[in-house]
Amino acid sequence: MNEQKLTDKVVSLETTLMHLQHEFEQLNSVVLDQQRELDAMKLKMKGLNEKIVELELPPEQSGPADEVPPHY
């Protein structure tokens, strides 16, 4: 191969690598955004599950705030 062909090949490889690095950064950004969203959803689900458990507790296990006043 002559020197020009080698130079063209190196430039082509560098260009391809640059595009792949850019795509990798974009995909990484998407994955990080999705992970943040999943973490927020997990936290919300945990809160909802705790609320469901509270609502399912029998009256003797519920807290004083859940008791009906004596005049009812």
Protein backbone atom coordinates (compact mmCIF):
# COMPACT_ATOMS: atom_id res chain seq x y z
CA MET A 1 0.00 0.00 0.00
CA ASN A 2 1.17 3.45 -0.65
CA GLU A 3 1.37 6.13 1.99
CA GLN A 4 -1.78 7.96 0.83
CA LYS A 5 -3.93 4.84 1.13
CA LEU A 6 -2.63 4.23 4.65
CA THR A 7 -3.36 7.84 5.60
CA ASP A 8 -6.88 7.58 4.16
CA LYS A 9 -7.45 4.33 6.04
CA VAL A 10 -6.28 5.87 9.34
CA VAL A 11 -8.50 8.92 8.79
CA SER A 12 -11.44 6.64 8.03
CA LEU A 13 -10.82 4.61 11.19
CA GLU A 14 -10.47 7.74 13.32
CA THR A 15 -13.71 9.14 11.90
CA THR A 16 -15.53 5.90 12.60
CA LEU A 17 -14.13 5.82 16.13
CA MET A 18 -15.22 9.41 16.72
CA HIS A 19 -18.78 8.58 15.63
CA LEU A 20 -18.85 5.46 17.80
CA GLN A 21 -17.63 7.42 20.81
CA HIS A 22 -20.36 10.00 20.26
CA GLU A 23 -23.03 7.29 19.99
CA PHE A 24 -21.66 5.60 23.10
CA GLU A 25 -21.93 8.87 25.06
CA GLN A 26 -25.51 9.34 23.87
CA LEU A 27 -26.46 5.78 24.84
CA ASN A 28 -24.75 6.18 28.20
CA SER A 29 -26.76 9.35 28.83
CA VAL A 30 -30.00 7.53 28.01
CA VAL A 31 -29.12 4.64 30.33
CA LEU A 32 -28.29 7.04 33.17
CA ASP A 33 -31.62 8.87 32.66
CA GLN A 34 -33.47 5.56 32.69
CA GLN A 35 -31.71 4.50 35.89
CA ARG A 36 -32.71 7.75 37.61
CA GLU A 37 -36.29 7.19 36.47
CA LEU A 38 -36.23 3.59 37.72
CA ASP A 39 -34.85 4.71 41.09
CA ALA A 40 -37.64 7.29 41.41
CA MET A 41 -40.26 4.67 40.48
CA LYS A 42 -38.85 2.20 43.01
CA LEU A 43 -39.04 4.84 45.72
CA LYS A 44 -42.62 5.69 44.78
CA MET A 45 -43.60 2.00 44.70
CA LYS A 46 -42.05 1.47 48.12
CA GLY A 47 -44.14 4.33 49.49
CA LEU A 48 -47.28 2.98 47.84
CA ASN A 49 -46.61 -0.54 49.18
CA GLU A 50 -46.16 0.86 52.69
CA LYS A 51 -49.46 2.76 52.33
CA ILE A 52 -51.22 -0.43 51.18
CA VAL A 53 -49.84 -2.35 54.15
CA GLU A 54 -51.07 0.41 56.49
CA LEU A 55 -54.53 0.26 54.94
CA GLU A 56 -54.66 -3.54 55.24
CA LEU A 57 -53.73 -3.67 58.95
CA PRO A 58 -56.52 -4.91 61.24
CA PRO A 59 -57.88 -2.24 63.63
CA GLU A 60 -56.01 -3.62 66.67
CA GLN A 61 -52.70 -3.15 64.82
CA SER A 62 -53.38 0.30 63.45
CA GLY A 63 -52.02 3.41 65.11
CA PRO A 64 -53.88 5.78 67.48
CA ALA A 65 -54.48 8.22 64.63
CA ASP A 66 -56.64 5.56 62.95
CA GLU A 67 -58.91 4.99 65.98
CA VAL A 68 -62.49 6.23 65.94
CA PRO A 69 -63.32 8.58 68.81
CA PRO A 70 -65.59 7.06 71.55
CA HIS A 71 -68.63 9.18 70.66
CA TYR A 72 -68.96 7.39 67.28
